[in-house]
Amino acid sequence: TGSRRVSCEAVNGLGRKPKTGAQAKQGQRRAGIVRHQDATTAGMARVYKRPESVLVVVYDAVGRVLLLRRRDPPGYWQSVTGSLEWGEPAGTAAVRELFEETGIAGVVPEDCRQSRHFRIYRRFLYRYRPGVTRNLEHVFRVRAAAGSGIRLDDREHEAWRWLPRGEAAALVSSYTNRDAILAHVPAIPREDNDT
């Protein structure tokens, strides 16, 4: 499952009605929410995190890429990322995560039709069903309007910056993020000022 250049398409089907509590529970059962009861939850059912996520590469008209620095692990630079909720389509998660992590709204990320598995950091395995060690990541991209105001979720991120495509690819902490930037952000030729 190597990285390859693919075209991106707009995601459809995002305007769904909210579900009632009963409909949501039924949908969760169909989507396979795993509930686990053990002594540490004192009789409470635990819902494990879904091992599937989105990576949304945000770029602008001049080829700069938006990167966010995570609080945990410290110094970890990345594009917009986040786990899918149980029963949530990847396109819906991409829109939700884009807004939650940057405040960018009113745009629909393009589905790059690229997905990759990666190993989950050992320190985060407790969030997943026992035996789960890999996550499936779906790649999206979105071209942000010039001057897009960025509003971070400061519980997750502590800084942001716009960098040229190559610098962004070199700085990100994840190889899947690096590959997505290089495959899906257009390379903008620099103007030659030696005239």
N, C-alpha and C. Protein backbone atom coordinates (compact mmCIF):
# COMPACT_ATOMS: atom_id res chain seq x y z
N THR A 1 0.83 -1.19 0.00
CA THR A 1 0.00 0.00 0.00
C THR A 1 0.87 1.25 0.00
N GLY A 2 1.72 1.39 -0.98
CA GLY A 2 2.59 2.55 -1.06
C GLY A 2 1.85 3.81 -1.43
N SER A 3 2.52 4.92 -1.27
CA SER A 3 1.92 6.19 -1.62
C SER A 3 1.96 6.36 -3.13
N ARG A 4 0.87 6.83 -3.68
CA ARG A 4 0.84 7.11 -5.11
C ARG A 4 -0.02 8.32 -5.36
N ARG A 5 0.24 9.00 -6.45
CA ARG A 5 -0.50 10.20 -6.78
C ARG A 5 -1.87 9.78 -7.30
N VAL A 6 -2.90 10.34 -6.69
CA VAL A 6 -4.25 10.03 -7.12
C VAL A 6 -5.04 11.32 -7.17
N SER A 7 -6.10 11.31 -7.95
CA SER A 7 -6.93 12.51 -8.00
C SER A 7 -7.86 12.53 -6.81
N CYS A 8 -8.28 13.70 -6.45
CA CYS A 8 -9.18 13.86 -5.32
C CYS A 8 -10.57 14.21 -5.84
N GLU A 9 -11.59 13.82 -5.12
CA GLU A 9 -12.97 14.10 -5.49
C GLU A 9 -13.68 14.74 -4.31
N ALA A 10 -14.69 15.54 -4.58
CA ALA A 10 -15.48 16.14 -3.50
C ALA A 10 -16.27 15.04 -2.79
N VAL A 11 -16.43 15.21 -1.48
CA VAL A 11 -17.18 14.26 -0.67
C VAL A 11 -18.64 14.67 -0.70
N ASN A 12 -19.53 13.69 -0.85
CA ASN A 12 -20.96 13.97 -0.89
C ASN A 12 -21.64 13.39 0.35
N GLY A 13 -22.91 13.76 0.55
CA GLY A 13 -23.73 13.15 1.57
C GLY A 13 -23.47 13.65 2.97
N LEU A 14 -23.13 14.93 3.13
CA LEU A 14 -22.80 15.44 4.45
C LEU A 14 -24.00 16.06 5.18
N GLY A 15 -25.11 16.32 4.49
CA GLY A 15 -26.22 17.01 5.13
C GLY A 15 -27.26 16.07 5.70
N ARG A 16 -26.88 15.27 6.67
CA ARG A 16 -27.80 14.32 7.27
C ARG A 16 -28.52 14.93 8.46
N LYS A 17 -29.77 14.45 8.71
CA LYS A 17 -30.51 14.87 9.88
C LYS A 17 -29.89 14.23 11.12
N PRO A 18 -29.90 14.95 12.26
CA PRO A 18 -29.39 14.33 13.48
C PRO A 18 -30.28 13.16 13.88
N LYS A 19 -29.68 12.13 14.45
CA LYS A 19 -30.43 10.96 14.86
C LYS A 19 -30.97 11.15 16.27
N THR A 20 -32.10 10.49 16.54
CA THR A 20 -32.62 10.47 17.91
C THR A 20 -31.75 9.53 18.72
N GLY A 21 -31.90 9.55 20.04
CA GLY A 21 -31.11 8.68 20.91
C GLY A 21 -31.26 7.21 20.54
N ALA A 22 -32.49 6.77 20.30
CA ALA A 22 -32.73 5.36 19.95
C ALA A 22 -32.10 5.02 18.60
N GLN A 23 -32.23 5.94 17.62
CA GLN A 23 -31.64 5.70 16.30
C GLN A 23 -30.12 5.65 16.40
N ALA A 24 -29.54 6.51 17.22
CA ALA A 24 -28.09 6.54 17.38
C ALA A 24 -27.59 5.23 17.99
N LYS A 25 -28.28 4.75 19.04
CA LYS A 25 -27.88 3.49 19.67
C LYS A 25 -27.98 2.33 18.69
N GLN A 26 -29.06 2.32 17.89
CA GLN A 26 -29.23 1.25 16.91
C GLN A 26 -28.10 1.33 15.88
N GLY A 27 -27.77 2.53 15.43
CA GLY A 27 -26.68 2.72 14.48
C GLY A 27 -25.35 2.29 15.05
N GLN A 28 -25.12 2.57 16.34
CA GLN A 28 -23.89 2.15 16.98
C GLN A 28 -23.78 0.63 17.01
N ARG A 29 -24.89 -0.04 17.31
CA ARG A 29 -24.86 -1.50 17.34
C ARG A 29 -24.52 -2.05 15.95
N ARG A 30 -25.14 -1.45 14.90
CA ARG A 30 -24.85 -1.91 13.54
C ARG A 30 -23.41 -1.61 13.14
N ALA A 31 -22.87 -0.48 13.63
CA ALA A 31 -21.51 -0.09 13.27
C ALA A 31 -20.47 -0.89 14.04
N GLY A 32 -20.89 -1.64 15.03
CA GLY A 32 -19.96 -2.52 15.72
C GLY A 32 -19.25 -1.90 16.90
N ILE A 33 -19.90 -0.98 17.60
CA ILE A 33 -19.27 -0.44 18.80
C ILE A 33 -18.96 -1.59 19.73
N VAL A 34 -17.78 -1.57 20.25
CA VAL A 34 -17.36 -2.63 21.15
C VAL A 34 -17.53 -2.13 22.57
N ARG A 35 -18.31 -2.85 23.34
CA ARG A 35 -18.49 -2.50 24.75
C ARG A 35 -17.80 -3.57 25.58
N HIS A 36 -17.09 -3.12 26.61
CA HIS A 36 -16.33 -4.05 27.42
C HIS A 36 -16.57 -3.70 28.88
N GLN A 37 -16.85 -4.67 29.68
CA GLN A 37 -17.08 -4.44 31.10
C GLN A 37 -15.97 -5.11 31.88
N ASP A 38 -15.33 -4.37 32.77
CA ASP A 38 -14.30 -4.95 33.60
C ASP A 38 -14.28 -4.25 34.96
N ALA A 39 -13.41 -4.70 35.83
CA ALA A 39 -13.37 -4.17 37.20
C ALA A 39 -12.97 -2.70 37.23
N THR A 40 -12.16 -2.25 36.28
CA THR A 40 -11.70 -0.87 36.31
C THR A 40 -12.82 0.12 35.99
N THR A 41 -13.87 -0.33 35.32
CA THR A 41 -14.96 0.59 35.01
C THR A 41 -16.12 0.44 35.99
N ALA A 42 -15.91 -0.35 37.04
CA ALA A 42 -16.90 -0.51 38.10
C ALA A 42 -18.29 -0.79 37.54
N GLY A 43 -18.37 -1.75 36.63
CA GLY A 43 -19.68 -2.14 36.10
C GLY A 43 -20.17 -1.27 34.95
N MET A 44 -19.43 -0.25 34.57
CA MET A 44 -19.83 0.63 33.47
C MET A 44 -19.30 0.04 32.16
N ALA A 45 -20.09 0.17 31.11
CA ALA A 45 -19.65 -0.28 29.79
C ALA A 45 -18.65 0.73 29.24
N ARG A 46 -17.59 0.25 28.62
CA ARG A 46 -16.58 1.12 28.04
C ARG A 46 -16.68 1.05 26.53
N VAL A 47 -16.64 2.20 25.87
CA VAL A 47 -16.65 2.25 24.42
C VAL A 47 -15.23 2.52 23.95
N TYR A 48 -14.69 1.61 23.17
CA TYR A 48 -13.34 1.77 22.65
C TYR A 48 -13.33 2.67 21.43
N LYS A 49 -12.20 3.30 21.22
CA LYS A 49 -11.99 4.17 20.07
C LYS A 49 -11.96 3.34 18.79
N ARG A 50 -12.53 3.87 17.74
CA ARG A 50 -12.54 3.21 16.44
C ARG A 50 -11.15 3.34 15.80
N PRO A 51 -10.54 2.26 15.35
CA PRO A 51 -9.20 2.33 14.77
C PRO A 51 -9.22 2.76 13.30
N GLU A 52 -9.82 3.90 13.06
CA GLU A 52 -9.94 4.46 11.71
C GLU A 52 -9.96 5.97 11.85
N SER A 53 -9.23 6.67 10.99
CA SER A 53 -9.09 8.12 11.14
C SER A 53 -9.03 8.81 9.78
N VAL A 54 -9.06 10.14 9.86
CA VAL A 54 -8.87 10.97 8.66
C VAL A 54 -7.61 11.81 8.85
N LEU A 55 -6.96 12.10 7.75
CA LEU A 55 -5.85 13.04 7.68
C LEU A 55 -6.28 14.07 6.65
N VAL A 56 -6.40 15.34 7.07
CA VAL A 56 -6.84 16.40 6.16
C VAL A 56 -5.67 17.36 5.96
N VAL A 57 -5.11 17.36 4.76
CA VAL A 57 -4.01 18.25 4.42
C VAL A 57 -4.61 19.57 3.95
N VAL A 58 -4.29 20.66 4.66
CA VAL A 58 -4.80 22.00 4.34
C VAL A 58 -3.67 22.76 3.66
N TYR A 59 -3.97 23.34 2.50
CA TYR A 59 -2.95 24.11 1.78
C TYR A 59 -3.60 25.37 1.21
N ASP A 60 -2.77 26.32 0.76
CA ASP A 60 -3.32 27.56 0.20
C ASP A 60 -2.91 27.72 -1.27
N ALA A 61 -3.30 28.83 -1.86
CA ALA A 61 -3.10 29.06 -3.30
C ALA A 61 -1.63 29.14 -3.70
N VAL A 62 -0.75 29.47 -2.76
CA VAL A 62 0.67 29.58 -3.09
C VAL A 62 1.46 28.34 -2.66
N GLY A 63 0.74 27.26 -2.32
CA GLY A 63 1.38 25.99 -2.02
C GLY A 63 1.89 25.81 -0.61
N ARG A 64 1.50 26.73 0.29
CA ARG A 64 1.88 26.55 1.69
C ARG A 64 0.93 25.54 2.35
N VAL A 65 1.46 24.81 3.32
CA VAL A 65 0.70 23.77 4.02
C VAL A 65 0.55 24.18 5.48
N LEU A 66 -0.65 24.02 6.01
CA LEU A 66 -0.92 24.32 7.42
C LEU A 66 -0.52 23.12 8.26
N LEU A 67 0.32 23.37 9.28
CA LEU A 67 0.69 22.32 10.23
C LEU A 67 0.31 22.76 11.64
N LEU A 68 -0.05 21.77 12.45
CA LEU A 68 -0.44 21.99 13.84
C LEU A 68 0.54 21.23 14.73
N ARG A 69 0.94 21.85 15.85
CA ARG A 69 1.82 21.16 16.79
C ARG A 69 1.00 20.64 17.96
N ARG A 70 1.03 19.32 18.14
CA ARG A 70 0.26 18.66 19.19
C ARG A 70 0.84 18.96 20.58
N ARG A 71 0.00 18.89 21.57
CA ARG A 71 0.47 18.96 22.96
C ARG A 71 1.06 17.62 23.37
N ASP A 72 0.43 16.52 22.92
CA ASP A 72 0.88 15.18 23.29
C ASP A 72 0.83 14.28 22.07
N PRO A 73 1.94 13.73 21.64
CA PRO A 73 3.28 13.88 22.21
C PRO A 73 3.86 15.27 21.91
N PRO A 74 4.69 15.79 22.81
CA PRO A 74 5.28 17.12 22.63
C PRO A 74 6.11 17.22 21.35
N GLY A 75 6.00 18.36 20.67
CA GLY A 75 6.82 18.61 19.48
C GLY A 75 6.37 17.86 18.24
N TYR A 76 5.19 17.27 18.26
CA TYR A 76 4.68 16.46 17.14
C TYR A 76 3.90 17.36 16.19
N TRP A 77 4.44 17.59 14.99
CA TRP A 77 3.79 18.42 13.98
C TRP A 77 2.99 17.54 13.03
N GLN A 78 1.80 18.00 12.65
CA GLN A 78 0.93 17.22 11.79
C GLN A 78 -0.08 18.11 11.08
N SER A 79 -0.74 17.51 10.09
CA SER A 79 -1.91 18.14 9.47
C SER A 79 -3.10 17.86 10.38
N VAL A 80 -4.28 18.27 9.97
CA VAL A 80 -5.50 17.99 10.73
C VAL A 80 -5.72 16.48 10.72
N THR A 81 -5.95 15.89 11.88
CA THR A 81 -6.21 14.45 11.97
C THR A 81 -7.25 14.20 13.05
N GLY A 82 -7.88 13.05 12.95
CA GLY A 82 -8.82 12.66 14.01
C GLY A 82 -9.51 11.36 13.69
N SER A 83 -9.94 10.71 14.74
CA SER A 83 -10.61 9.42 14.61
C SER A 83 -12.06 9.58 14.17
N LEU A 84 -12.51 8.59 13.41
CA LEU A 84 -13.91 8.53 13.04
C LEU A 84 -14.70 8.06 14.25
N GLU A 85 -15.87 8.65 14.45
CA GLU A 85 -16.77 8.15 15.47
C GLU A 85 -17.44 6.90 14.91
N TRP A 86 -17.93 6.03 15.80
CA TRP A 86 -18.58 4.80 15.34
C TRP A 86 -19.77 5.15 14.47
N GLY A 87 -19.82 4.59 13.27
CA GLY A 87 -20.92 4.82 12.34
C GLY A 87 -20.76 6.08 11.50
N GLU A 88 -19.69 6.84 11.69
CA GLU A 88 -19.47 8.09 10.96
C GLU A 88 -18.70 7.84 9.67
N PRO A 89 -19.19 8.34 8.54
CA PRO A 89 -18.42 8.23 7.29
C PRO A 89 -17.16 9.09 7.34
N ALA A 90 -16.15 8.69 6.60
CA ALA A 90 -14.88 9.41 6.60
C ALA A 90 -15.04 10.87 6.15
N GLY A 91 -15.87 11.12 5.14
CA GLY A 91 -16.06 12.49 4.67
C GLY A 91 -16.66 13.40 5.73
N THR A 92 -17.57 12.89 6.50
CA THR A 92 -18.18 13.65 7.60
C THR A 92 -17.15 13.94 8.67
N ALA A 93 -16.32 12.93 8.98
CA ALA A 93 -15.27 13.12 9.97
C ALA A 93 -14.27 14.18 9.51
N ALA A 94 -13.96 14.21 8.22
CA ALA A 94 -13.00 15.20 7.70
C ALA A 94 -13.52 16.62 7.90
N VAL A 95 -14.81 16.85 7.62
CA VAL A 95 -15.41 18.17 7.82
C VAL A 95 -15.39 18.52 9.31
N ARG A 96 -15.79 17.58 10.15
CA ARG A 96 -15.85 17.80 11.60
C ARG A 96 -14.47 18.11 12.17
N GLU A 97 -13.48 17.30 11.84
CA GLU A 97 -12.13 17.50 12.37
C GLU A 97 -11.52 18.81 11.88
N LEU A 98 -11.75 19.17 10.62
CA LEU A 98 -11.25 20.44 10.09
C LEU A 98 -11.77 21.60 10.91
N PHE A 99 -13.06 21.58 11.21
CA PHE A 99 -13.65 22.66 12.01
C PHE A 99 -13.16 22.62 13.45
N GLU A 100 -13.17 21.43 14.08
CA GLU A 100 -12.78 21.33 15.48
C GLU A 100 -11.33 21.74 15.71
N GLU A 101 -10.44 21.39 14.80
CA GLU A 101 -9.02 21.65 15.03
C GLU A 101 -8.52 22.99 14.50
N THR A 102 -9.25 23.60 13.54
CA THR A 102 -8.76 24.86 12.95
C THR A 102 -9.78 25.98 12.94
N GLY A 103 -11.06 25.65 13.11
CA GLY A 103 -12.11 26.66 12.99
C GLY A 103 -12.51 26.92 11.56
N ILE A 104 -11.90 26.25 10.58
CA ILE A 104 -12.24 26.45 9.17
C ILE A 104 -13.58 25.75 8.90
N ALA A 105 -14.53 26.53 8.40
CA ALA A 105 -15.87 26.00 8.13
C ALA A 105 -16.31 26.40 6.73
N GLY A 106 -17.36 25.75 6.26
CA GLY A 106 -17.95 26.12 4.98
C GLY A 106 -17.22 25.56 3.77
N VAL A 107 -16.30 24.65 3.99
CA VAL A 107 -15.60 23.99 2.88
C VAL A 107 -15.71 22.48 3.06
N VAL A 108 -15.71 21.78 1.95
CA VAL A 108 -15.78 20.32 1.99
C VAL A 108 -14.44 19.78 1.49
N PRO A 109 -13.71 19.09 2.37
CA PRO A 109 -12.43 18.51 1.92
C PRO A 109 -12.65 17.51 0.79
N GLU A 110 -11.67 17.43 -0.10
CA GLU A 110 -11.70 16.46 -1.20
C GLU A 110 -11.16 15.12 -0.72
N ASP A 111 -11.85 14.07 -1.09
CA ASP A 111 -11.40 12.72 -0.76
C ASP A 111 -10.34 12.31 -1.78
N CYS A 112 -9.14 12.06 -1.31
CA CYS A 112 -8.04 11.70 -2.21
C CYS A 112 -8.05 10.22 -2.58
N ARG A 113 -9.02 9.48 -2.07
CA ARG A 113 -9.17 8.05 -2.39
C ARG A 113 -7.87 7.30 -2.11
N GLN A 114 -7.24 7.66 -1.00
CA GLN A 114 -6.03 6.99 -0.55
C GLN A 114 -6.20 6.67 0.93
N SER A 115 -5.96 5.42 1.28
CA SER A 115 -6.03 4.98 2.67
C SER A 115 -4.81 4.13 2.97
N ARG A 116 -4.32 4.26 4.20
CA ARG A 116 -3.14 3.49 4.61
C ARG A 116 -3.31 3.04 6.05
N HIS A 117 -2.71 1.90 6.36
CA HIS A 117 -2.64 1.44 7.74
C HIS A 117 -1.33 1.91 8.36
N PHE A 118 -1.39 2.24 9.65
CA PHE A 118 -0.17 2.52 10.39
C PHE A 118 -0.29 1.94 11.78
N ARG A 119 0.85 1.70 12.40
CA ARG A 119 0.89 1.13 13.75
C ARG A 119 0.54 2.22 14.76
N ILE A 120 -0.35 1.89 15.69
CA ILE A 120 -0.76 2.82 16.75
C ILE A 120 0.36 2.86 17.79
N TYR A 121 0.71 4.08 18.24
CA TYR A 121 1.71 4.22 19.30
C TYR A 121 1.32 3.37 20.50
N ARG A 122 2.28 2.67 21.05
CA ARG A 122 2.02 1.79 22.20
C ARG A 122 1.33 2.53 23.35
N ARG A 123 1.72 3.77 23.59
CA ARG A 123 1.17 4.53 24.71
C ARG A 123 -0.32 4.84 24.54
N PHE A 124 -0.87 4.67 23.31
CA PHE A 124 -2.29 4.95 23.07
C PHE A 124 -3.12 3.69 22.86
N LEU A 125 -2.52 2.52 22.94
CA LEU A 125 -3.25 1.28 22.67
C LEU A 125 -4.42 1.04 23.63
N TYR A 126 -4.34 1.55 24.85
CA TYR A 126 -5.41 1.35 25.83
C TYR A 126 -6.75 1.92 25.36
N ARG A 127 -6.72 2.85 24.42
CA ARG A 127 -7.95 3.47 23.92
C ARG A 127 -8.73 2.55 22.98
N TYR A 128 -8.08 1.49 22.51
CA TYR A 128 -8.65 0.59 21.51
C TYR A 128 -8.98 -0.77 22.10
N ARG A 129 -9.84 -1.49 21.41
CA ARG A 129 -10.20 -2.85 21.81
C ARG A 129 -8.92 -3.68 21.96
N PRO A 130 -8.86 -4.55 22.96
CA PRO A 130 -7.67 -5.39 23.13
C PRO A 130 -7.33 -6.12 21.83
N GLY A 131 -6.06 -6.12 21.48
CA GLY A 131 -5.59 -6.78 20.27
C GLY A 131 -5.47 -5.86 19.06
N VAL A 132 -6.07 -4.68 19.11
CA VAL A 132 -5.98 -3.73 17.99
C VAL A 132 -4.65 -3.01 18.08
N THR A 133 -3.87 -3.05 16.99
CA THR A 133 -2.55 -2.40 16.98
C THR A 133 -2.35 -1.49 15.78
N ARG A 134 -3.30 -1.52 14.82
CA ARG A 134 -3.15 -0.73 13.60
C ARG A 134 -4.39 0.13 13.36
N ASN A 135 -4.18 1.27 12.73
CA ASN A 135 -5.24 2.22 12.41
C ASN A 135 -5.30 2.40 10.89
N LEU A 136 -6.50 2.55 10.36
CA LEU A 136 -6.69 2.83 8.93
C LEU A 136 -6.94 4.32 8.78
N GLU A 137 -6.08 4.99 7.99
CA GLU A 137 -6.15 6.45 7.81
C GLU A 137 -6.59 6.77 6.38
N HIS A 138 -7.62 7.64 6.25
CA HIS A 138 -8.14 8.09 4.97
C HIS A 138 -7.64 9.52 4.71
N VAL A 139 -7.10 9.76 3.53
CA VAL A 139 -6.50 11.05 3.21
C VAL A 139 -7.48 11.96 2.47
N PHE A 140 -7.55 13.21 2.94
CA PHE A 140 -8.35 14.27 2.32
C PHE A 140 -7.45 15.49 2.15
N ARG A 141 -7.87 16.40 1.30
CA ARG A 141 -7.16 17.67 1.18
C ARG A 141 -8.18 18.78 1.02
N VAL A 142 -7.78 19.99 1.38
CA VAL A 142 -8.66 21.15 1.20
C VAL A 142 -7.78 22.38 0.97
N ARG A 143 -8.18 23.15 -0.03
CA ARG A 143 -7.48 24.41 -0.30
C ARG A 143 -8.19 25.50 0.50
N ALA A 144 -7.47 26.10 1.41
CA ALA A 144 -8.02 27.14 2.27
C ALA A 144 -7.95 28.49 1.56
N ALA A 145 -8.92 29.31 1.83
CA ALA A 145 -8.94 30.66 1.28
C ALA A 145 -7.78 31.46 1.88
N ALA A 146 -7.25 32.39 1.09
CA ALA A 146 -6.17 33.23 1.58
C ALA A 146 -6.64 33.96 2.84
N GLY A 147 -5.79 34.01 3.83
CA GLY A 147 -6.12 34.72 5.06
C GLY A 147 -7.09 33.99 5.96
N SER A 148 -7.27 32.68 5.76
CA SER A 148 -8.16 31.91 6.65
C SER A 148 -7.68 32.05 8.08
N GLY A 149 -8.57 32.52 8.95
CA GLY A 149 -8.23 32.63 10.36
C GLY A 149 -8.20 31.24 10.98
N ILE A 150 -7.15 30.92 11.69
CA ILE A 150 -7.02 29.61 12.32
C ILE A 150 -7.34 29.76 13.80
N ARG A 151 -8.23 28.90 14.29
CA ARG A 151 -8.60 28.87 15.70
C ARG A 151 -8.33 27.45 16.20
N LEU A 152 -7.28 27.31 16.98
CA LEU A 152 -6.89 25.98 17.47
C LEU A 152 -7.78 25.51 18.61
N ASP A 153 -7.93 24.19 18.71
CA ASP A 153 -8.49 23.56 19.89
C ASP A 153 -7.31 23.40 20.83
N ASP A 154 -7.19 24.30 21.82
CA ASP A 154 -5.98 24.32 22.64
C ASP A 154 -5.86 23.14 23.60
N ARG A 155 -6.86 22.27 23.65
CA ARG A 155 -6.70 21.04 24.43
C ARG A 155 -5.82 20.05 23.67
N GLU A 156 -5.80 20.16 22.33
CA GLU A 156 -5.02 19.23 21.49
C GLU A 156 -3.75 19.83 20.92
N HIS A 157 -3.82 21.10 20.54
CA HIS A 157 -2.70 21.73 19.82
C HIS A 157 -2.26 23.01 20.51
N GLU A 158 -0.97 23.32 20.35
CA GLU A 158 -0.44 24.51 21.00
C GLU A 158 0.13 25.55 20.03
N ALA A 159 0.26 25.19 18.76
CA ALA A 159 0.80 26.14 17.78
C ALA A 159 0.40 25.70 16.37
N TRP A 160 0.48 26.66 15.44
CA TRP A 160 0.23 26.35 14.03
C TRP A 160 1.15 27.21 13.19
N ARG A 161 1.39 26.75 11.97
CA ARG A 161 2.19 27.55 11.04
C ARG A 161 1.94 27.10 9.60
N TRP A 162 2.13 28.06 8.68
CA TRP A 162 2.06 27.77 7.25
C TRP A 162 3.48 27.62 6.75
N LEU A 163 3.74 26.54 6.03
CA LEU A 163 5.09 26.30 5.49
C LEU A 163 5.00 25.89 4.03
N PRO A 164 6.06 26.19 3.25
CA PRO A 164 6.10 25.68 1.88
C PRO A 164 5.99 24.16 1.90
N ARG A 165 5.47 23.61 0.83
CA ARG A 165 5.20 22.17 0.71
C ARG A 165 6.36 21.30 1.16
N GLY A 166 7.56 21.54 0.63
CA GLY A 166 8.72 20.72 0.96
C GLY A 166 9.12 20.82 2.43
N GLU A 167 9.07 22.03 2.99
CA GLU A 167 9.41 22.22 4.40
C GLU A 167 8.39 21.54 5.30
N ALA A 168 7.12 21.63 4.91
CA ALA A 168 6.06 20.98 5.70
C ALA A 168 6.27 19.46 5.69
N ALA A 169 6.56 18.91 4.52
CA ALA A 169 6.77 17.46 4.41
C ALA A 169 7.96 17.02 5.26
N ALA A 170 8.98 17.86 5.36
CA ALA A 170 10.16 17.52 6.16
C ALA A 170 9.90 17.64 7.66
N LEU A 171 8.98 18.51 8.06
CA LEU A 171 8.74 18.77 9.48
C LEU A 171 7.74 17.80 10.12
N VAL A 172 6.76 17.32 9.36
CA VAL A 172 5.74 16.47 9.98
C VAL A 172 6.36 15.23 10.61
N SER A 173 5.74 14.77 11.66
CA SER A 173 6.27 13.66 12.44
C SER A 173 5.87 12.29 11.91
N SER A 174 4.89 12.24 11.03
CA SER A 174 4.37 10.97 10.52
C SER A 174 4.73 10.77 9.05
N TYR A 175 5.19 9.57 8.72
CA TYR A 175 5.52 9.29 7.31
C TYR A 175 4.27 9.30 6.44
N THR A 176 3.10 8.91 6.98
CA THR A 176 1.89 8.95 6.16
C THR A 176 1.49 10.38 5.86
N ASN A 177 1.72 11.29 6.82
CA ASN A 177 1.43 12.71 6.61
C ASN A 177 2.38 13.29 5.57
N ARG A 178 3.68 12.95 5.68
CA ARG A 178 4.67 13.42 4.70
C ARG A 178 4.28 12.98 3.29
N ASP A 179 3.95 11.69 3.15
CA ASP A 179 3.59 11.16 1.84
C ASP A 179 2.33 11.84 1.28
N ALA A 180 1.36 12.12 2.14
CA ALA A 180 0.12 12.78 1.70
C ALA A 180 0.39 14.20 1.21
N ILE A 181 1.25 14.92 1.92
CA ILE A 181 1.59 16.28 1.49
C ILE A 181 2.25 16.25 0.11
N LEU A 182 3.21 15.38 -0.06
CA LEU A 182 3.93 15.32 -1.34
C LEU A 182 3.05 14.82 -2.48
N ALA A 183 2.10 13.95 -2.18
CA ALA A 183 1.24 13.39 -3.23
C ALA A 183 0.06 14.29 -3.59
N HIS A 184 -0.44 15.08 -2.64
CA HIS A 184 -1.72 15.75 -2.86
C HIS A 184 -1.72 17.27 -2.78
N VAL A 185 -0.58 17.87 -2.47
CA VAL A 185 -0.47 19.33 -2.51
C VAL A 185 0.27 19.69 -3.78
N PRO A 186 -0.36 20.49 -4.63
CA PRO A 186 0.31 20.85 -5.89
C PRO A 186 1.64 21.57 -5.64
N ALA A 187 2.64 21.19 -6.39
CA ALA A 187 3.94 21.88 -6.30
C ALA A 187 3.81 23.18 -7.08
N ILE A 188 4.08 24.27 -6.42
CA ILE A 188 4.00 25.60 -7.04
C ILE A 188 5.42 26.02 -7.41
N PRO A 189 5.69 26.21 -8.70
CA PRO A 189 7.05 26.62 -9.08
C PRO A 189 7.36 28.02 -8.53
N ARG A 190 8.57 28.18 -8.03
CA ARG A 190 8.99 29.50 -7.53
C ARG A 190 9.35 30.38 -8.69
N GLU A 191 9.04 31.68 -8.55
CA GLU A 191 9.38 32.62 -9.63
C GLU A 191 10.88 32.87 -9.60
N ASP A 192 11.48 33.01 -10.77
CA ASP A 192 12.90 33.29 -10.86
C ASP A 192 13.09 34.81 -10.84
N ASN A 193 13.76 35.31 -9.81
CA ASN A 193 13.95 36.75 -9.67
C ASN A 193 15.31 37.21 -10.18
N ASP A 194 15.98 36.38 -10.99
CA ASP A 194 17.32 36.73 -11.49
C ASP A 194 17.27 37.41 -12.86
N THR A 195 16.28 38.21 -13.14
CA THR A 195 16.20 38.85 -14.45
C THR A 195 16.81 40.20 -14.45
